Protein backbone atom coordinates (compact mmCIF):
# COMPACT_ATOMS: atom_id res chain seq x y z
CA MET A 1 19.19 -50.53 10.21
CA ILE A 2 21.19 -49.22 13.18
CA GLN A 3 23.72 -47.56 10.83
CA TYR A 4 20.88 -45.98 8.89
CA ILE A 5 19.28 -44.55 12.03
CA VAL A 6 22.62 -43.13 13.22
CA ARG A 7 23.29 -41.51 9.83
CA ARG A 8 19.81 -40.04 9.76
CA LEU A 9 20.20 -38.62 13.26
CA PHE A 10 23.41 -36.86 12.25
CA SER A 11 21.83 -35.57 9.05
CA LEU A 12 19.05 -33.97 11.12
CA ILE A 13 21.52 -31.61 12.82
CA PRO A 14 22.09 -29.22 9.86
CA LEU A 15 18.36 -29.32 9.09
CA PHE A 16 17.57 -28.35 12.66
CA VAL A 17 20.09 -25.47 12.58
CA GLY A 18 18.61 -24.23 9.30
CA ILE A 19 15.07 -24.34 10.68
CA THR A 20 16.01 -22.40 13.81
CA LEU A 21 17.96 -19.83 11.78
CA ILE A 22 15.08 -19.13 9.39
CA SER A 23 12.52 -19.09 12.22
CA PHE A 24 14.61 -16.67 14.28
CA PHE A 25 14.91 -14.15 11.45
CA VAL A 26 11.27 -14.49 10.35
CA ILE A 27 9.79 -13.74 13.77
CA HIS A 28 11.96 -10.63 14.01
CA LEU A 29 10.49 -9.40 10.72
CA ALA A 30 7.03 -9.17 12.29
CA PRO A 31 5.97 -5.61 13.22
CA GLY A 32 6.14 -4.64 16.86
CA LYS A 33 8.69 -5.25 19.61
CA PRO A 34 8.54 -6.90 23.03
CA SER A 35 8.78 -3.49 24.65
CA SER A 36 5.74 -2.19 22.74
CA LEU A 37 3.29 -3.36 25.42
CA GLN A 38 5.14 -1.27 28.00
CA THR A 39 5.80 1.84 25.92
CA ASP A 40 3.16 2.31 23.20
CA LEU A 41 0.32 3.01 25.62
CA ASN A 42 2.38 5.48 27.62
CA PRO A 43 3.11 8.73 25.73
CA LYS A 44 5.51 9.85 28.48
CA VAL A 45 8.02 7.10 27.73
CA SER A 46 11.15 8.72 26.32
CA LEU A 47 13.44 7.45 23.59
CA GLU A 48 16.10 6.80 26.23
CA VAL A 49 13.76 4.45 28.12
CA ARG A 50 12.92 2.61 24.88
CA GLU A 51 16.63 2.13 24.14
CA ARG A 52 17.24 0.94 27.68
CA LEU A 53 14.46 -1.65 27.37
CA ALA A 54 15.90 -2.84 24.06
CA LYS A 55 19.27 -3.28 25.77
CA VAL A 56 17.68 -5.21 28.65
CA TYR A 57 16.07 -7.60 26.16
CA GLY A 58 19.28 -7.87 24.15
CA LEU A 59 17.59 -6.39 21.07
CA ASP A 60 20.17 -3.65 20.58
CA LYS A 61 22.61 -6.09 18.92
CA PRO A 62 22.59 -7.18 15.24
CA LEU A 63 20.24 -10.07 14.48
CA ILE A 64 23.05 -12.49 13.67
CA VAL A 65 24.64 -11.77 17.06
CA GLN A 66 21.29 -12.26 18.79
CA TYR A 67 20.88 -15.60 17.02
CA LYS A 68 24.40 -16.70 17.94
CA ASN A 69 23.84 -15.87 21.61
CA TRP A 70 20.48 -17.64 21.62
CA PHE A 71 21.84 -20.75 19.86
CA LEU A 72 24.80 -21.02 22.24
CA ARG A 73 22.34 -21.04 25.13
CA LEU A 74 20.20 -23.61 23.33
CA VAL A 75 23.18 -25.97 23.00
CA ARG A 76 23.36 -25.88 26.80
CA PHE A 77 19.61 -26.65 26.92
CA ASP A 78 18.90 -23.11 28.09
CA PHE A 79 15.85 -21.63 26.33
CA GLY A 80 16.28 -18.31 28.11
CA ARG A 81 13.73 -16.33 30.07
CA SER A 82 10.35 -15.04 28.96
CA PHE A 83 10.22 -11.31 28.23
CA LEU A 84 6.72 -11.17 29.68
CA ASP A 85 7.24 -12.42 33.25
CA ASP A 86 10.98 -13.32 33.40
CA ARG A 87 10.20 -16.99 34.03
CA LEU A 88 12.32 -19.71 32.46
CA VAL A 89 10.91 -20.59 29.04
CA TRP A 90 11.32 -24.32 29.65
CA ASP A 91 9.37 -24.07 32.91
CA LYS A 92 6.47 -22.42 31.09
CA ILE A 93 6.55 -25.01 28.31
CA LYS A 94 6.84 -28.15 30.43
CA GLU A 95 3.85 -27.24 32.61
CA ARG A 96 1.69 -27.03 29.46
CA ILE A 97 3.03 -30.13 27.67
CA PRO A 98 0.86 -32.75 29.48
CA ILE A 99 -2.37 -31.01 28.48
CA THR A 100 -1.52 -30.59 24.80
CA LEU A 101 0.13 -34.01 24.58
CA GLY A 102 -2.88 -35.70 26.16
CA ILE A 103 -5.38 -34.04 23.83
CA ASN A 104 -3.30 -34.80 20.73
CA LEU A 105 -2.75 -38.44 21.71
CA LEU A 106 -6.50 -38.87 22.20
CA SER A 107 -7.06 -37.16 18.84
CA LEU A 108 -4.52 -39.41 17.11
CA LEU A 109 -6.08 -42.50 18.72
CA LEU A 110 -9.51 -41.43 17.47
CA ILE A 111 -8.12 -40.89 13.97
CA LEU A 112 -6.59 -44.38 13.89
CA ILE A 113 -9.52 -46.23 15.46
CA VAL A 114 -12.13 -44.61 13.21
CA GLY A 115 -10.24 -43.50 10.09
CA ILE A 116 -8.53 -46.78 9.12
CA PRO A 117 -11.62 -49.04 9.38
CA LEU A 118 -13.66 -46.34 7.63
CA GLY A 119 -11.24 -46.25 4.69
CA VAL A 120 -10.94 -50.03 4.48
CA ASN A 121 -14.71 -50.56 4.41
CA ALA A 122 -15.18 -47.75 1.89
CA ALA A 123 -12.67 -49.47 -0.42
CA LEU A 124 -14.24 -52.90 0.01
CA LYS A 125 -17.69 -51.44 -0.72
CA SER A 126 -16.52 -49.12 -3.50
CA GLY A 127 -19.44 -47.44 -5.26
CA SER A 128 -21.95 -48.33 -2.55
CA PHE A 129 -24.03 -45.93 -0.49
CA PHE A 130 -21.55 -46.32 2.39
CA ASP A 131 -18.67 -45.31 0.11
CA LYS A 132 -20.55 -42.25 -1.14
CA ALA A 133 -21.53 -41.25 2.39
CA THR A 134 -17.92 -41.44 3.59
CA THR A 135 -16.85 -39.39 0.57
CA VAL A 136 -19.29 -36.65 1.61
CA PHE A 137 -17.91 -36.83 5.16
CA VAL A 138 -14.34 -36.53 3.86
CA PHE A 139 -15.09 -33.44 1.81
CA PHE A 140 -16.94 -31.97 4.78
CA GLY A 141 -13.94 -32.63 7.02
CA PHE A 142 -11.50 -31.06 4.58
CA ALA A 143 -13.65 -28.02 3.78
CA MET A 144 -14.86 -27.16 7.28
CA PRO A 145 -12.64 -24.52 8.94
CA THR A 146 -11.60 -25.74 12.38
CA PHE A 147 -12.49 -22.53 14.19
CA TRP A 148 -15.96 -22.42 12.59
CA LEU A 149 -16.68 -26.05 13.46
CA ALA A 150 -15.58 -25.37 17.04
CA LEU A 151 -17.92 -22.38 17.31
CA LEU A 152 -20.86 -24.36 15.86
CA LEU A 153 -20.32 -27.22 18.32
CA MET A 154 -19.93 -24.82 21.24
CA ASN A 155 -23.19 -23.11 20.28
CA LEU A 156 -25.06 -26.42 19.85
CA PHE A 157 -23.81 -28.52 22.77
CA GLY A 158 -22.75 -25.79 25.17
CA ILE A 159 -25.33 -23.03 24.75
CA ASN A 160 -28.44 -24.54 23.17
CA LEU A 161 -28.38 -28.07 24.65
CA GLN A 162 -26.17 -27.19 27.64
CA ILE A 163 -24.80 -30.73 27.94
CA LEU A 164 -21.08 -30.05 27.41
CA PRO A 165 -18.74 -27.37 28.80
CA ILE A 166 -17.25 -25.00 26.25
CA SER A 167 -14.08 -23.75 27.97
CA GLY A 168 -11.21 -25.04 30.08
CA ILE A 169 -10.44 -28.66 30.93
CA LYS A 170 -12.03 -28.90 34.37
CA SER A 171 -14.84 -27.38 36.40
CA ILE A 172 -14.45 -24.85 39.20
CA ASP A 173 -15.27 -27.42 41.89
CA PHE A 174 -12.91 -30.03 40.39
CA GLU A 175 -10.79 -30.27 43.55
CA PHE A 176 -13.81 -31.30 45.65
CA MET A 177 -14.81 -34.21 43.37
CA ASN A 178 -14.01 -37.87 43.92
CA LEU A 179 -11.94 -39.84 41.41
CA ALA A 180 -14.87 -41.02 39.28
CA GLN A 181 -16.35 -37.53 39.14
CA LYS A 182 -12.98 -36.04 38.16
CA ILE A 183 -12.57 -38.52 35.29
CA ALA A 184 -16.12 -37.81 34.10
CA ASP A 185 -15.55 -34.05 34.34
CA LEU A 186 -12.30 -34.22 32.35
CA GLY A 187 -14.00 -36.41 29.75
CA ARG A 188 -16.86 -33.93 29.29
CA HIS A 189 -14.43 -31.06 28.87
CA LEU A 190 -12.30 -32.95 26.34
CA ILE A 191 -15.04 -34.26 24.03
CA LEU A 192 -15.33 -31.13 21.88
CA PRO A 193 -11.60 -30.24 21.69
CA VAL A 194 -10.58 -33.80 20.80
CA PHE A 195 -13.30 -34.09 18.16
CA VAL A 196 -12.42 -30.72 16.59
CA SER A 197 -8.73 -31.64 16.60
CA ALA A 198 -9.40 -35.02 14.95
CA VAL A 199 -11.89 -34.09 12.22
CA GLY A 200 -9.35 -32.97 9.61
CA GLY A 201 -6.97 -35.88 10.23
CA LEU A 202 -9.84 -38.34 10.31
CA ALA A 203 -11.04 -37.24 6.89
CA GLY A 204 -7.53 -37.41 5.42
CA ILE A 205 -6.57 -40.83 6.85
CA SER A 206 -9.83 -42.45 5.77
CA ARG A 207 -9.41 -41.14 2.21
CA TYR A 208 -5.77 -42.25 1.94
CA MET A 209 -6.68 -45.62 3.43
CA ARG A 210 -9.47 -46.09 0.90
CA GLN A 211 -7.22 -45.25 -2.03
CA GLY A 212 -4.45 -47.52 -0.74
CA MET A 213 -6.83 -50.46 -0.33
CA LEU A 214 -8.31 -49.93 -3.81
CA GLU A 215 -4.83 -50.20 -5.30
CA VAL A 216 -3.69 -53.14 -3.18
CA LYS A 217 -6.79 -55.32 -3.55
CA LEU A 218 -6.16 -55.52 -7.30
CA SER A 219 -2.50 -56.48 -6.86
CA GLU A 220 -1.16 -59.80 -8.09
CA PHE A 221 -0.36 -61.16 -4.62
CA VAL A 222 -3.98 -60.57 -3.54
CA LEU A 223 -5.30 -62.34 -6.64
CA ALA A 224 -2.86 -65.21 -5.96
CA ALA A 225 -4.06 -65.46 -2.36
CA ARG A 226 -7.67 -65.71 -3.56
CA ALA A 227 -6.63 -68.36 -6.07
CA ARG A 228 -5.17 -70.42 -3.21
CA GLY A 229 -8.57 -70.34 -1.52
CA LEU A 230 -7.63 -68.23 1.50
CA PRO A 231 -10.58 -66.70 3.41
CA GLU A 232 -11.40 -63.15 2.34
CA ARG A 233 -10.89 -61.80 5.85
CA VAL A 234 -7.36 -63.25 5.96
CA ILE A 235 -6.56 -61.80 2.53
CA ILE A 236 -7.79 -58.34 3.46
CA TYR A 237 -6.41 -57.96 6.98
CA ASN A 238 -3.27 -60.13 6.83
CA HIS A 239 -2.03 -59.31 3.33
CA ALA A 240 -3.69 -56.30 1.73
CA LEU A 241 -3.97 -54.08 4.81
CA ARG A 242 -0.27 -54.26 5.67
CA ASN A 243 0.72 -53.00 2.23
CA ALA A 244 -1.99 -50.35 2.18
CA LEU A 245 -0.68 -48.98 5.49
CA ILE A 246 2.66 -47.92 3.98
CA PRO A 247 1.55 -44.42 2.84
CA ILE A 248 -0.55 -44.04 6.01
CA ILE A 249 2.53 -44.51 8.20
CA THR A 250 4.33 -41.73 6.32
CA ILE A 251 1.34 -39.41 6.69
CA LEU A 252 1.02 -40.16 10.41
CA GLY A 253 4.70 -39.44 10.95
CA LEU A 254 4.34 -36.05 9.29
CA SER A 255 1.05 -35.30 11.06
CA LEU A 256 2.58 -35.23 14.56
CA PRO A 257 3.79 -31.62 14.30
CA GLY A 258 0.59 -30.71 12.48
CA LEU A 259 -1.49 -31.84 15.43
CA PHE A 260 0.51 -29.61 17.77
CA GLY A 261 0.23 -26.74 15.30
CA GLY A 262 -3.54 -27.14 15.21
CA SER A 263 -3.58 -26.85 18.99
CA VAL A 264 -3.15 -23.09 18.60
CA ILE A 265 -6.65 -22.83 17.14
CA PHE A 266 -8.76 -25.08 19.33
CA GLU A 267 -6.89 -24.32 22.57
CA THR A 268 -7.46 -20.61 22.04
CA ILE A 269 -11.14 -21.09 21.21
CA PHE A 270 -11.82 -23.49 24.09
CA ALA A 271 -9.57 -21.56 26.53
CA ILE A 272 -7.42 -24.62 27.19
CA PRO A 273 -4.13 -23.84 28.99
CA GLY A 274 -1.90 -25.83 26.63
CA LEU A 275 1.09 -25.21 24.37
CA GLY A 276 -1.05 -23.88 21.53
CA ARG A 277 -2.59 -21.13 23.63
CA LEU A 278 0.81 -20.36 25.16
CA PHE A 279 2.26 -19.94 21.65
CA PHE A 280 -0.59 -17.62 20.64
CA GLU A 281 -0.03 -15.46 23.73
CA ALA A 282 3.72 -15.40 23.06
CA VAL A 283 3.22 -14.23 19.47
CA MET A 284 0.78 -11.51 20.50
CA SER A 285 3.23 -10.19 23.11
CA ARG A 286 6.33 -10.64 20.86
CA ASP A 287 7.92 -12.86 23.50
CA TYR A 288 10.81 -14.00 21.29
CA PRO A 289 12.44 -16.54 23.67
CA LEU A 290 9.10 -18.26 24.29
CA ILE A 291 8.22 -18.26 20.57
CA MET A 292 11.60 -19.78 19.69
CA GLY A 293 11.27 -22.34 22.48
CA GLU A 294 7.98 -23.62 21.03
CA LEU A 295 9.33 -23.49 17.48
CA VAL A 296 12.30 -25.61 18.57
CA LEU A 297 9.85 -28.13 20.03
CA GLY A 298 7.88 -28.15 16.77
CA SER A 299 11.07 -28.56 14.73
CA ILE A 300 12.16 -31.55 16.80
CA LEU A 301 8.74 -33.15 16.38
CA THR A 302 8.85 -32.61 12.62
CA LEU A 303 12.31 -34.15 12.24
CA LEU A 304 11.54 -37.07 14.55
CA GLY A 305 8.24 -37.62 12.73
CA ASN A 306 10.13 -38.02 9.45
CA LEU A 307 12.60 -40.42 11.05
CA ILE A 308 9.89 -42.52 12.71
CA ALA A 309 7.97 -42.70 9.43
CA ASP A 310 11.05 -43.98 7.56
CA ILE A 311 11.81 -46.60 10.21
CA ALA A 312 8.18 -47.75 10.33
CA ASN A 313 8.10 -48.01 6.53
CA ALA A 314 11.15 -50.25 6.64
CA TYR A 315 9.41 -52.48 9.16
CA VAL A 316 6.12 -52.69 7.26
CA ASP A 317 7.57 -52.98 3.75
CA PRO A 318 10.11 -55.85 3.48
CA ARG A 319 11.32 -54.42 0.15
CA ILE A 320 12.94 -51.52 1.95
CA ARG A 321 16.38 -52.21 3.36
CA TYR A 322 18.62 -49.70 5.08
CA SER A 323 21.64 -51.96 5.64
CA ARG A 324 23.98 -49.46 3.97
């Protein structure tokens, strides 16, 4: 297993380089330049000033040279400086990580706590009213656009009922609250973002879990366990569930970067100062170093998600061996 993990880690290096190379060239294909915000609204800006700004940003060099310079800095763990305010990119990212990470961990926890039992019970009661109701919920979760659901919930709970805040993660008087009030205030602000973030994943996990359990409960080892007279609860949760979790582990490993990608939508709608909103602002201002910094973070999450999923599959499924 150790040899397998080491080999996989080394194999991730060329993949990571390829991802950064493609990302770097793609973002430069987008119309507009970082200097556009400073020059387009000012008709008096001369061509000489535009060229000088391009030189300041390092955009006067060929793309391959720009990529080489950027990658050499990245190897030294230097993400560069933001074009917008000249702050270090890593400083801007790390101050937003706790917010986005916290929301996504809560979302993932909600998906696991609700989605897996929902799928298991739907499989055990296949064809029942409960199974049909969860099927309707799943299709609703898949079909509902995230931004539209967020707006509906904001209108219902924030405007009509006025029981939940619809923007930010804390109130204006947060600093003057005691500990219990601060926790309650954060909880109220996070209810809608966490729910919106989890709906799509919740629908998917419950459906995959249901299908996995339907296949496993008809397997020979389950029939043999019933023949030996084992209690149904032991058969389901000690034998069938472990095998049904194999595809779920793979999906969860690949969903980690997806959760961060979805942060762009709900953080922008709910005005949450996290990585998603920072990425949106960077794209709108063509802040190339900041965009690449967040894309690097997303690439690392994607590659690590694949690796974690493979290792977890080897642990759950005894048929998988990575000794060589």
